[in-house]
Protein backbone atom coordinates (compact mmCIF):
# COMPACT_ATOMS: atom_id res chain seq x y z
CA MET A 1 40.61 142.55 -125.23
CA ASN A 2 41.68 145.88 -123.80
CA ALA A 3 42.85 146.40 -120.23
CA VAL A 4 44.18 149.23 -118.07
CA SER A 5 46.58 148.60 -115.20
CA PRO A 6 46.96 151.68 -113.00
CA HIS A 7 50.34 150.64 -111.61
CA LEU A 8 52.68 147.83 -112.74
CA GLU A 9 56.09 147.47 -111.08
CA LEU A 10 58.92 145.41 -112.53
CA ILE A 11 61.48 144.85 -109.78
CA GLY A 12 64.71 142.93 -110.16
CA GLN A 13 68.43 142.98 -110.75
CA TYR A 14 70.06 144.36 -113.88
CA LYS A 15 73.42 144.42 -115.60
CA PHE A 16 73.90 146.82 -118.47
CA THR A 17 76.87 147.85 -120.57
CA GLY A 18 76.40 150.15 -123.54
CA LYS A 19 74.98 153.47 -124.50
CA LEU A 20 71.69 154.93 -123.28
CA LEU A 21 70.65 158.19 -124.89
CA LEU A 22 73.93 160.15 -124.79
CA PHE A 23 75.40 158.37 -121.77
CA GLN A 24 77.90 155.51 -121.64
CA ILE A 25 76.51 153.06 -119.09
CA ASN A 26 78.35 150.33 -117.21
CA GLY A 27 76.21 149.43 -114.24
CA PHE A 28 74.56 146.69 -112.26
CA GLY A 29 72.30 146.37 -109.26
CA ARG A 30 68.69 146.77 -108.20
CA CYS A 31 66.13 148.22 -110.55
CA ASN A 32 62.47 149.16 -110.48
CA ILE A 33 60.56 150.10 -113.62
CA THR A 34 57.04 151.34 -112.88
CA LEU A 35 54.49 151.61 -115.67
CA ILE A 36 51.72 154.08 -114.79
CA ASN A 37 48.24 153.76 -116.34
CA LEU A 38 49.31 150.98 -118.65
CA HIS A 39 46.85 150.56 -121.54
CA THR A 40 47.20 147.08 -123.04
CA LYS A 41 45.53 145.54 -126.08
CA HIS A 42 45.56 141.73 -125.99
CA THR A 43 45.01 139.82 -129.26
CA MET A 44 44.88 136.02 -129.23
CA LYS A 45 44.40 133.34 -131.87
CA CYS A 46 43.29 129.95 -130.63
CA GLU A 47 42.75 126.44 -131.92
CA GLN A 48 40.75 123.54 -130.54
CA PHE A 49 42.35 120.27 -129.49
CA ASP A 50 41.20 117.07 -127.83
CA VAL A 51 42.21 115.83 -124.37
CA ASP A 52 40.69 112.48 -123.40
CA GLY A 53 37.62 113.07 -125.57
CA GLU A 54 37.00 116.66 -124.42
CA GLU A 55 37.60 119.72 -126.57
CA HIS A 56 39.98 122.35 -125.20
CA LEU A 57 41.40 125.62 -126.51
CA ARG A 58 45.07 126.41 -127.07
CA VAL A 59 46.47 129.87 -127.77
CA THR A 60 48.59 129.69 -130.92
CA ASP A 61 49.41 133.39 -131.20
CA TYR A 62 49.35 136.09 -128.52
CA GLU A 63 50.10 139.71 -129.30
CA LEU A 64 50.30 142.65 -126.91
CA ASP A 65 50.39 146.36 -127.48
CA MET A 66 51.46 147.96 -124.17
CA ASN A 67 51.23 151.75 -123.84
CA PRO A 68 51.86 153.40 -120.48
CA GLU A 69 50.99 157.03 -119.87
CA LYS A 70 54.20 157.38 -117.84
CA VAL A 71 57.20 155.24 -116.87
CA VAL A 72 59.31 155.77 -113.74
CA TYR A 73 62.82 154.34 -113.84
CA ASP A 74 64.91 153.61 -110.76
CA PHE A 75 68.26 151.91 -111.39
CA GLU A 76 70.95 151.93 -108.74
CA ASN A 77 74.58 152.27 -109.79
CA MET A 78 73.98 153.07 -113.50
CA VAL A 79 77.53 154.37 -113.85
CA ASP A 80 79.52 152.05 -111.60
CA GLY A 81 81.06 154.00 -108.75
CA ASN A 82 79.79 157.45 -109.79
CA ARG A 83 76.62 158.37 -107.92
CA ALA A 84 76.40 161.91 -109.36
CA ILE A 85 76.44 160.75 -112.99
CA SER A 86 74.12 157.82 -112.17
CA ASP A 87 71.61 160.27 -110.68
CA GLU A 88 71.89 162.54 -113.72
CA VAL A 89 71.30 159.62 -116.11
CA LEU A 90 68.18 158.62 -114.14
CA LYS A 91 66.95 162.20 -114.16
CA VAL A 92 67.26 162.37 -117.95
CA MET A 93 65.63 158.94 -118.36
CA ASN A 94 62.66 159.97 -116.23
CA GLU A 95 62.32 163.35 -117.95
CA ASN A 96 62.19 161.47 -121.28
CA ASN A 97 60.45 158.37 -119.97
CA LEU A 98 58.20 157.67 -122.95
CA ASP A 99 61.04 158.16 -125.43
CA VAL A 100 63.16 155.68 -123.46
CA TYR A 101 60.21 153.27 -123.32
CA ALA A 102 59.66 153.56 -127.09
CA GLY A 103 63.16 152.15 -127.61
CA ILE A 104 62.35 148.97 -125.66
CA LYS A 105 58.59 148.71 -126.23
CA LYS A 106 58.79 145.86 -128.77
CA ASP A 107 60.82 143.78 -126.30
CA TYR A 108 58.27 144.39 -123.52
CA ASP A 109 55.36 143.54 -125.84
CA ARG A 110 57.02 140.33 -127.05
CA THR A 111 58.19 139.18 -123.60
CA PHE A 112 54.89 139.80 -121.83
CA ALA A 113 52.97 138.18 -124.72
CA GLU A 114 55.00 134.98 -124.22
CA ILE A 115 54.32 135.07 -120.47
CA TYR A 116 50.57 135.62 -120.96
CA LYS A 117 50.43 132.92 -123.65
CA HIS A 118 52.07 130.39 -121.32
CA ILE A 119 49.76 131.25 -118.39
CA THR A 120 46.65 131.20 -120.58
CA ASN A 121 47.55 127.84 -122.13
CA THR A 122 48.25 126.35 -118.69
CA ILE A 123 44.75 127.33 -117.60
CA LEU A 124 43.02 126.32 -120.87
CA ASN A 125 44.73 122.93 -120.90
CA ASN A 126 42.92 122.07 -117.66
CA ILE A 127 39.43 123.36 -118.51
CA PRO A 128 37.32 121.91 -121.33
CA ILE A 129 35.54 124.36 -123.65
CA LYS A 130 32.13 123.24 -122.34
CA LYS A 131 33.13 124.47 -118.87
CA LEU A 132 34.55 127.76 -120.18
CA PHE A 133 31.43 128.83 -122.04
CA LEU A 134 27.74 128.31 -121.48
CA LEU A 135 26.91 126.12 -124.45
C-alpha cells in the first residue's frame, strides 16, 4: 500500500551528544521534525490464527519505505549555551535536510514499522477475517 501524508510533525524532547555533519553537538531540549509530503510504501506479511473458533489475521512482518520531499528541523539548544552556533547548525541541517534525513532514514523506517505493526495487530486481533472482508 502506498500513502502520502502532506504534513507529519514529530514533537518531543531530545538529548544528543556527538557529531552532526561537521559540527560537534552537545544539546538537549525541545525538538520538532516536520516531514513534508511524506511518500510511504507499506508492505505487510500476515498469517491466519484462531481465536475462539474464528479466523483472524496477524501481521508477521511490516516494512516501511518513508520518503519525504522535504524535512524541517527545529531543535532548541543544539550547542548547549551557544545560541549563535545552535542557529547555524539548524540552518545547515535545513539547507541539507534530505541528506540529514538519509542518515537516519533506516531508523525512522524501522521504528514506524514497529509502531504500525503493533497498531494493526491490535485492531486485527479484535476483528475476525469474515468481518474484515466480504466473503
